[in-house]
Protein backbone atom coordinates (compact mmCIF):
# COMPACT_ATOMS: atom_id res chain seq x y z
CA MET A 1 51.98 27.51 136.83
CA VAL A 2 55.91 27.37 136.38
CA LYS A 3 57.73 30.38 135.71
CA VAL A 4 60.62 30.01 133.43
CA LYS A 5 63.45 32.92 133.04
CA VAL A 6 65.00 33.36 129.96
CA ILE A 7 67.84 35.15 129.23
CA SER A 8 67.84 38.05 126.70
CA ARG A 9 70.85 39.28 125.33
CA ASN A 10 71.59 42.54 123.18
CA PRO A 11 72.57 40.60 119.58
CA ASP A 12 74.67 43.93 118.84
CA ASP A 13 77.10 42.97 121.53
CA TYR A 14 77.84 39.84 120.38
CA VAL A 15 77.09 39.64 116.58
CA ARG A 16 79.36 41.42 113.72
CA GLU A 17 78.68 44.49 111.57
CA THR A 18 77.37 42.37 108.18
CA LYS A 19 74.89 40.17 110.76
CA PHE A 20 76.91 36.91 108.97
CA ASP A 21 79.01 34.34 110.32
CA ILE A 22 82.45 35.25 108.20
CA HIS A 23 85.21 33.12 108.78
CA LYS A 24 88.73 34.71 107.92
CA VAL A 25 90.12 32.26 104.66
CA PRO A 26 93.72 32.72 104.17
CA ARG A 27 94.94 34.19 100.93
CA ASN A 28 97.43 32.72 98.32
CA TYR A 29 99.27 35.71 96.74
CA ASP A 30 100.81 33.91 94.61
CA PRO A 31 100.65 36.48 90.75
CA ALA A 32 99.36 33.35 88.96
CA LEU A 33 96.67 32.93 90.51
CA HIS A 34 95.87 36.52 90.02
CA PRO A 35 96.22 37.55 86.59
CA PHE A 36 94.16 41.01 86.55
CA GLU A 37 95.22 41.82 90.08
CA ALA A 38 96.85 45.10 88.61
CA PRO A 39 94.59 46.44 85.93
CA ARG A 40 92.25 46.04 89.00
CA GLU A 41 93.95 48.13 91.17
CA TYR A 42 94.68 50.58 88.53
CA VAL A 43 90.98 51.41 87.99
CA ARG A 44 90.68 51.75 92.00
CA ALA A 45 93.50 54.23 91.99
CA LEU A 46 91.96 56.09 88.76
CA ASN A 47 88.74 56.20 90.82
CA ALA A 48 90.45 57.19 94.92
CA THR A 49 92.12 59.92 92.35
CA LYS A 50 89.00 60.91 91.11
CA LEU A 51 86.66 61.33 94.48
CA GLU A 52 89.77 63.09 95.99
CA ARG A 53 89.31 65.79 93.60
CA VAL A 54 85.13 65.41 93.64
CA PHE A 55 85.10 65.62 97.64
CA ALA A 56 88.19 68.45 97.83
CA LYS A 57 86.02 71.36 99.68
CA PRO A 58 88.93 72.75 101.81
CA PHE A 59 86.72 75.97 103.21
CA LEU A 60 85.72 75.63 106.49
CA GLY A 61 84.61 78.98 107.54
CA SER A 62 85.86 82.76 108.40
CA LEU A 63 85.91 84.99 110.96
CA GLU A 64 84.45 88.61 110.50
CA GLY A 65 84.65 91.30 113.27
CA HIS A 66 87.84 93.42 111.52
CA ARG A 67 87.01 96.68 110.32
CA ASP A 68 90.25 96.80 107.94
CA SER A 69 93.00 95.04 106.58
CA VAL A 70 94.19 92.18 108.78
CA HIS A 71 97.94 92.77 108.75
CA CYS A 72 99.60 89.83 111.29
CA MET A 73 98.47 86.66 112.82
CA VAL A 74 99.93 84.06 115.44
CA LYS A 75 99.23 81.04 116.67
CA HIS A 76 98.91 80.18 121.00
CA PRO A 77 101.90 77.53 121.74
CA THR A 78 99.32 75.33 123.74
CA ASN A 79 95.54 76.29 123.24
CA LEU A 80 94.91 74.86 119.30
CA SER A 81 91.39 76.71 119.40
CA THR A 82 93.19 80.37 120.00
CA VAL A 83 94.61 83.05 117.50
CA LEU A 84 95.37 86.46 117.82
CA SER A 85 95.13 88.67 114.76
CA GLY A 86 96.19 92.47 114.79
CA SER A 87 94.46 94.85 111.82
CA CYS A 88 95.50 98.25 110.23
CA ASP A 89 93.61 100.39 112.50
CA GLY A 90 95.17 99.09 115.46
CA VAL A 91 92.85 96.76 116.85
CA VAL A 92 94.25 93.00 118.34
CA LYS A 93 91.59 90.47 118.23
CA ILE A 94 91.66 87.44 120.14
CA TRP A 95 89.28 84.39 118.80
CA ASN A 96 87.88 81.31 119.64
CA LEU A 97 88.38 78.36 116.56
CA SER A 98 86.07 76.12 118.00
CA SER A 99 82.91 78.73 118.23
CA ARG A 100 84.17 80.99 115.83
CA THR A 101 83.63 84.09 117.76
CA CYS A 102 85.63 86.77 118.94
CA GLU A 103 86.75 86.14 122.60
CA ARG A 104 88.18 90.24 122.98
CA THR A 105 89.00 92.81 121.13
CA VAL A 106 91.75 95.21 122.27
CA ASN A 107 92.41 98.81 120.58
CA ALA A 108 96.27 98.71 121.24
CA HIS A 109 98.08 100.92 118.74
CA ARG A 110 97.25 104.27 116.70
CA GLY A 111 97.80 103.61 113.07
CA PHE A 112 99.04 99.59 112.12
CA VAL A 113 99.31 96.50 114.31
CA ARG A 114 102.84 95.76 112.69
CA GLY A 115 103.42 92.58 114.61
CA LEU A 116 102.28 89.88 117.77
CA CYS A 117 103.78 87.58 119.43
CA LEU A 118 102.99 85.12 122.59
CA ASP A 119 105.07 84.26 125.62
CA ARG A 120 106.02 80.60 125.84
CA THR A 121 103.04 79.99 128.15
CA GLY A 122 100.27 81.78 126.55
CA GLN A 123 99.14 83.81 128.83
CA ILE A 124 100.73 87.34 127.83
CA PHE A 125 101.11 88.32 124.23
CA LEU A 126 103.35 91.29 122.94
CA SER A 127 102.34 94.06 120.30
CA VAL A 128 104.23 96.51 118.36
CA GLY A 129 102.65 99.36 116.41
CA ASP A 130 103.20 102.72 114.27
CA ASP A 131 102.91 104.87 117.31
CA LYS A 132 106.92 103.78 118.32
CA SER A 133 105.47 101.50 121.18
CA ILE A 134 105.64 97.97 122.58
CA LYS A 135 102.73 96.73 124.43
CA LYS A 136 102.50 93.49 127.00
CA TRP A 137 98.69 92.56 127.26
CA ARG A 138 97.70 89.89 129.23
CA THR A 139 95.59 86.79 127.04
CA GLN A 140 92.71 86.45 129.71
CA PRO A 141 92.11 89.63 131.64
CA ARG A 142 91.73 88.70 135.07
CA MET A 143 89.04 90.86 137.85
CA GLY A 144 91.01 93.73 138.85
CA ASP A 145 92.34 94.30 135.65
CA ALA A 146 91.12 97.33 133.00
CA GLY A 147 90.02 95.96 130.44
CA GLN A 148 92.22 98.35 127.51
CA GLU A 149 94.98 98.85 129.82
CA PRO A 150 98.33 97.38 128.61
CA LEU A 151 100.36 95.42 131.33
CA ASP A 152 103.44 97.87 130.33
CA THR A 153 104.15 99.83 127.46
CA VAL A 154 108.09 100.61 126.02
CA ILE A 155 108.25 103.86 123.88
CA GLY A 156 111.01 103.79 121.33
CA LYS A 157 112.92 106.19 119.32
CA ASN A 158 111.70 104.72 115.76
CA MET A 159 108.85 102.27 114.38
CA TYR A 160 109.09 98.47 115.11
CA ILE A 161 107.91 96.56 112.38
CA SER A 162 108.08 93.26 113.81
CA ILE A 163 108.28 91.10 116.89
CA ASP A 164 109.08 87.41 118.24
CA HIS A 165 109.07 85.64 121.22
CA HIS A 166 112.21 83.65 122.64
CA TRP A 167 110.76 80.29 122.57
CA LYS A 168 112.27 79.09 126.34
CA ASP A 169 113.05 81.86 127.55
CA SER A 170 111.76 85.34 128.53
CA LYS A 171 113.11 87.19 125.79
CA TYR A 172 111.90 88.82 122.95
CA ALA A 173 113.69 90.30 119.96
CA THR A 174 112.02 93.35 117.83
CA SER A 175 113.17 95.27 114.44
CA GLY A 176 113.08 98.46 112.91
CA THR A 177 116.28 100.55 112.20
CA GLN A 178 118.06 97.64 114.02
CA VAL A 179 117.70 94.36 115.58
CA ASP A 180 116.77 94.93 119.72
CA ILE A 181 116.84 92.00 122.07
CA TRP A 182 114.90 92.65 125.17
CA ASP A 183 114.03 91.10 128.65
CA GLU A 184 110.30 91.26 129.92
CA SER A 185 111.36 92.81 132.86
CA HIS A 186 113.78 95.77 131.60
CA ALA A 187 112.77 98.70 129.80
CA ASP A 188 115.93 98.65 127.66
CA PRO A 189 116.88 96.31 125.02
CA ILE A 190 119.99 93.72 126.34
CA ASN A 191 121.56 93.85 123.21
CA SER A 192 121.24 95.49 120.01
CA TYR A 193 122.58 94.38 116.49
CA THR A 194 123.19 96.40 113.22
CA TRP A 195 124.89 95.40 109.87
CA GLY A 196 124.33 98.26 106.90
CA SER A 197 120.83 98.34 106.79
CA ASP A 198 118.55 101.19 107.68
CA SER A 199 115.24 99.19 107.67
CA ILE A 200 114.28 95.84 109.17
CA HIS A 201 110.96 94.66 108.45
CA HIS A 202 110.93 90.75 110.08
CA VAL A 203 112.74 89.17 112.84
CA LYS A 204 112.34 85.20 113.79
CA PHE A 205 113.51 83.13 116.47
CA ASN A 206 114.51 79.31 115.74
CA PRO A 207 112.24 76.93 117.48
CA VAL A 208 115.05 74.34 117.76
CA GLU A 209 118.11 76.35 117.94
CA THR A 210 116.53 79.15 119.81
CA TYR A 211 119.85 81.58 119.93
CA MET A 212 119.84 81.41 116.77
CA LEU A 213 117.91 84.55 114.97
CA ALA A 214 116.95 85.49 111.47
CA SER A 215 115.49 88.85 109.51
CA CYS A 216 115.37 90.45 106.20
CA THR A 217 116.26 93.64 105.42
CA GLN A 218 114.88 96.47 102.60
CA ASP A 219 118.08 96.06 100.83
CA ARG A 220 117.58 92.41 100.08
CA ASN A 221 119.50 90.88 102.72
CA ILE A 222 118.75 87.90 104.88
CA ILE A 223 120.98 88.21 108.39
CA LEU A 224 121.26 85.34 110.60
CA TYR A 225 122.32 86.07 114.61
CA ASP A 226 123.58 84.42 117.38
CA THR A 227 122.23 86.04 120.42
CA ARG A 228 125.26 84.83 122.33
CA GLY A 229 127.35 86.51 120.23
CA ALA A 230 128.11 90.29 119.96
CA ALA A 231 127.58 90.85 116.36
CA PRO A 232 125.67 88.93 113.65
CA VAL A 233 127.03 85.68 112.04
CA ARG A 234 126.69 85.97 108.36
CA LYS A 235 124.27 86.81 105.93
CA VAL A 236 122.60 86.32 101.73
CA VAL A 237 121.66 89.12 99.22
CA LEU A 238 119.18 88.01 97.04
CA GLU A 239 117.96 89.75 93.68
CA MET A 240 115.13 90.45 95.25
CA ARG A 241 113.77 91.71 98.77
CA THR A 242 112.38 88.74 100.83
CA ASN A 243 109.54 89.83 103.13
CA THR A 244 109.29 86.85 105.59
CA VAL A 245 111.09 83.73 107.22
CA ALA A 246 110.13 80.63 108.61
CA TRP A 247 112.13 78.35 109.89
CA ASN A 248 111.84 74.45 109.90
CA PRO A 249 110.51 72.96 113.51
CA MET A 250 111.72 69.36 113.08
CA GLU A 251 115.27 70.72 111.25
CA ALA A 252 117.61 73.06 112.31
CA PHE A 253 119.27 74.44 110.21
CA MET A 254 116.79 74.74 107.22
CA PHE A 255 114.33 77.84 106.85
CA THR A 256 112.50 79.24 103.97
CA ALA A 257 112.33 82.61 102.59
CA ALA A 258 108.99 84.37 101.11
CA ASN A 259 110.39 86.43 98.31
CA GLU A 260 109.22 89.44 96.49
CA ASP A 261 110.42 87.45 92.90
CA TYR A 262 107.26 85.45 93.43
CA ASN A 263 109.55 82.37 94.76
CA LEU A 264 110.04 80.79 97.84
CA TYR A 265 113.29 79.62 98.44
CA THR A 266 114.73 76.72 101.22
CA PHE A 267 118.15 77.44 102.90
CA ASP A 268 120.61 75.58 104.64
CA MET A 269 121.79 78.27 106.81
CA ARG A 270 125.29 76.50 107.25
CA ARG A 271 125.53 77.08 103.20
CA LEU A 272 124.15 79.68 102.44
CA ASP A 273 125.47 80.51 98.58
CA ARG A 274 122.77 78.31 97.07
CA ALA A 275 119.42 77.48 97.98
CA VAL A 276 118.74 74.07 98.96
CA ASN A 277 114.77 74.46 96.58
CA VAL A 278 113.49 77.10 94.91
CA HIS A 279 109.42 76.33 95.26
CA MET A 280 107.67 78.39 92.11
CA ASP A 281 103.91 78.53 91.12
CA HIS A 282 102.95 82.15 92.70
CA VAL A 283 102.39 84.73 89.83
CA SER A 284 102.82 87.84 92.43
CA ALA A 285 104.81 88.72 95.25
CA VAL A 286 104.92 85.91 98.19
CA LEU A 287 103.85 88.10 101.75
CA ASP A 288 103.87 85.17 104.08
CA VAL A 289 105.25 81.87 104.82
CA ASP A 290 104.32 79.17 108.15
CA TYR A 291 105.40 75.59 108.36
CA SER A 292 103.14 72.72 109.60
CA PRO A 293 104.31 71.00 112.71
CA THR A 294 105.44 68.33 110.84
CA GLY A 295 108.31 70.32 109.19
CA ARG A 296 107.44 68.29 105.68
CA GLU A 297 105.54 71.01 103.99
CA PHE A 298 104.28 74.69 104.45
CA VAL A 299 101.99 77.38 103.43
CA SER A 300 102.48 80.27 101.70
CA GLY A 301 100.27 83.63 100.82
CA SER A 302 100.70 86.08 97.73
CA PHE A 303 99.83 89.30 96.76
CA ASP A 304 97.93 86.83 93.68
CA LYS A 305 94.91 86.38 95.97
CA THR A 306 95.70 82.63 97.07
CA ILE A 307 97.61 80.68 99.10
CA ARG A 308 99.67 77.53 98.39
CA ILE A 309 100.69 74.57 100.06
CA PHE A 310 104.11 73.13 99.21
CA GLN A 311 106.34 69.95 100.33
CA THR A 312 109.46 71.11 101.60
CA ASP A 313 111.17 68.89 98.88
CA LYS A 314 109.64 69.56 95.92
CA GLY A 315 109.79 73.11 93.42
CA HIS A 316 105.91 72.91 92.91
CA SER A 317 102.64 73.11 94.89
CA ARG A 318 100.69 70.39 95.66
CA GLU A 319 97.66 72.64 96.51
CA VAL A 320 96.09 75.73 95.52
CA TYR A 321 92.91 77.34 97.31
CA HIS A 322 91.33 80.93 96.76
CA THR A 323 88.07 82.37 96.86
CA LYS A 324 86.15 84.92 94.99
CA ARG A 325 86.16 87.61 97.86
CA MET A 326 89.51 86.64 98.86
CA GLN A 327 91.78 90.05 98.16
CA HIS A 328 95.47 90.10 98.66
CA VAL A 329 96.98 87.48 101.45
CA THR A 330 98.74 88.88 104.37
CA CYS A 331 99.44 86.09 106.47
CA VAL A 332 99.01 82.83 107.04
CA ARG A 333 99.79 80.17 109.82
CA TRP A 334 99.29 76.34 110.16
CA SER A 335 97.53 75.05 113.05
CA LEU A 336 99.56 73.18 115.71
CA ASP A 337 97.73 70.11 115.13
CA ASN A 338 98.49 69.91 111.60
CA LYS A 339 95.22 69.92 110.46
CA TYR A 340 93.96 73.59 109.55
CA ILE A 341 95.32 76.57 107.92
CA LEU A 342 94.32 80.27 108.76
CA SER A 343 94.55 83.10 106.38
CA GLY A 344 94.41 86.73 106.71
CA SER A 345 93.22 88.87 103.94
CA ASP A 346 92.91 92.95 102.83
CA GLU A 347 89.08 92.78 102.92
CA MET A 348 89.10 92.40 106.51
CA ASN A 349 88.30 88.39 107.02
CA ILE A 350 90.41 85.68 108.86
CA ARG A 351 89.62 82.30 107.10
CA LEU A 352 89.48 78.51 108.06
CA TRP A 353 90.98 76.17 105.43
CA LYS A 354 91.66 72.18 105.74
CA ALA A 355 95.27 70.92 105.33
CA ASN A 356 93.87 68.11 103.61
CA ALA A 357 91.54 69.30 100.76
CA SER A 358 89.42 66.16 100.80
CA GLU A 359 90.29 64.63 103.90
CA LYS A 360 86.93 64.17 106.13
CA LEU A 361 86.62 65.93 109.63
CA GLY A 362 85.35 64.11 112.35
CA LYS A 363 86.11 60.60 113.76
CA LEU A 364 85.92 57.59 111.38
CA SER A 365 84.99 54.35 111.71
CA ARG A 366 87.32 51.09 111.32
CA ARG A 367 86.66 50.63 107.61
CA GLU A 368 86.54 54.36 106.58
CA LYS A 369 89.86 54.41 107.74
CA ALA A 370 91.05 51.18 106.58
CA ALA A 371 89.66 52.15 103.18
CA ALA A 372 91.31 55.51 102.87
CA ASP A 373 94.73 54.53 104.18
CA TYR A 374 93.87 51.54 101.21
CA ASN A 375 93.21 54.33 98.76
CA ALA A 376 96.29 56.17 100.17
CA ARG A 377 98.50 53.49 99.30
CA LEU A 378 96.76 52.90 95.61
CA LYS A 379 97.06 56.53 94.71
CA GLU A 380 101.03 56.33 95.94
CA LYS A 381 101.80 53.27 93.82
CA PHE A 382 100.09 54.44 90.96
CA GLN A 383 101.17 58.35 90.94
CA HIS A 384 103.52 58.43 88.36
CA HIS A 385 100.61 56.71 85.57
CA PRO A 386 99.84 59.56 83.24
CA GLN A 387 96.56 59.87 83.79
CA VAL A 388 96.34 59.36 87.45
CA LYS A 389 98.64 62.12 87.51
CA ARG A 390 96.86 64.30 85.45
CA ILE A 391 93.73 64.21 87.74
CA SER A 392 95.86 64.78 90.90
CA ARG A 393 97.54 67.78 89.87
CA HIS A 394 94.36 69.66 87.57
CA ARG A 395 93.35 72.56 89.40
CA HIS A 396 90.82 75.46 88.87
CA VAL A 397 92.24 78.65 89.46
CA PRO A 398 90.80 82.47 88.37
CA SER A 399 91.49 82.96 84.56
CA LEU A 400 93.77 86.02 85.85
CA ILE A 401 95.76 83.76 87.46
CA TYR A 402 96.20 81.13 84.75
CA LYS A 403 96.85 83.83 82.64
CA GLU A 404 99.35 85.32 84.33
CA SER A 405 101.26 81.69 84.94
CA LYS A 406 101.13 81.27 80.98
CA THR A 407 102.93 84.51 80.37
CA ILE A 408 105.98 83.93 83.21
CA ARG A 409 106.29 80.16 81.74
CA ILE A 410 106.90 81.84 78.12
CA GLN A 411 109.00 84.18 79.10
CA LYS A 412 111.28 81.83 81.28
CA GLU A 413 110.80 79.10 78.14
CA SER A 414 111.79 82.12 75.98
CA GLN A 415 115.09 83.42 78.32
CA LYS A 416 116.86 79.55 78.33
CA ARG A 417 116.49 79.30 74.45
CA LYS A 418 117.87 82.59 74.24
CA GLU A 419 120.82 81.55 76.67
CA HIS A 420 120.83 78.33 74.96
CA ASN A 421 121.48 79.72 71.49
CA ARG A 422 124.08 82.31 73.05
CA ARG A 423 125.95 79.43 74.55
CA LYS A 424 126.07 77.77 71.19
CA HIS A 425 127.22 80.46 68.85
CA SER A 426 130.00 81.19 71.55
CA LYS A 427 133.10 80.38 72.69
CA PRO A 428 133.29 77.34 75.49
CA GLY A 429 133.19 78.55 79.05
CA THR A 430 131.71 82.42 77.79
CA VAL A 431 128.55 81.83 78.92
CA PRO A 432 128.78 79.35 81.96
CA PHE A 433 125.98 77.44 83.05
CA LYS A 434 124.50 78.46 86.28
CA ALA A 435 121.70 76.52 88.37
CA GLU A 436 118.40 77.88 88.85
CA ARG A 437 118.89 77.28 93.02
CA LYS A 438 122.26 79.72 92.20
CA LYS A 439 120.95 81.81 89.98
CA HIS A 440 118.75 84.19 92.88
CA VAL A 441 121.98 84.34 95.09
CA VAL A 442 123.39 87.67 94.35
CA GLY A 443 126.22 86.77 97.38
CA GLU A 444 126.79 85.93 101.32
CA VAL A 445 129.04 87.64 103.65
CA GLU A 446 130.00 86.00 106.60
């Protein structure tokens, strides 16, 4: 009997997904041949915008374990899944975002943990608290280390309110009654700066021009320092107090300030007499701000129990996040992969959000990616059409925020109307017009 051998192949290895023999046909883009192309694309853009709002589910989960309000938070400089948080009961926790579990708990201070920072390698973190001490800890303890004992402790004369580490050198800065620059190998500050304020509650190094330093004071000042010099460089005085500042990681001269007057102000440090942009929408004091790694957007957390995402060149937020249980947002951080946002609030939770509310997580197939890119281009093309603009901007917010924003809008319209009437019935030049970006700046001192 003759033995016949047959070649066997898996059709999935060489047949297309459609299971049909599809040939590429050249397309003629002459508009005369496609008279309904614009209406067809508009309908597609409208449907894409509606589906974006349908699938907008930004909340991913929470990290629970703190027994008091989360007061400060810092992200790891090299590891995307590691974040540290400090609470008002003196406890520091190290979290793994991949498993959403707490890897380590440290009873660091008596009272509040006022500030946290990591060195440039991420192996050492420093903390300051109400007990007037600076403590140095190892992020991952070794075999011979005592679990709850710090590597080093510095006791100061006054309380330290904030701390931040240099981006390149083994130095860090603390703030309290003054700004101190420390070397990790010394027990005394190598430099100190004061400029007329008795309390400095925030300090931040510039990630690009690493010798530049910014601080916020109780008397409404934002002060800039050059650590190569012996005195502060310049300061700007605003109408109300600034809580925190964040430097743009892509533009060395730009920083954004979170203010008590419900607004955020983006400044160019070379010209502080006016803001580059004023970002509005919050209805209570803005407590924290952090930039995305791209430098094009930043996230802010407010006392009004919401998180808002702003584009750096826009005055109003593109997104607002809130939940029923979330209370006053005390700290926010944007992850280094530009995909997630972390927020810490008064009810002891750390929440994880998507930076893009409708983005699909996980690996996308080629067709899904092509469809997403096509829809994004359509939405960009028709973004100024009234219906597309209305649907993309609409957000549901809690009734208290809705009513408060309406009250603020009425107040601003009344002020504008009053100023217009005063200018109308006064001599020319008596009531000068003052731009919004310059209105909130009281003065600049060099």
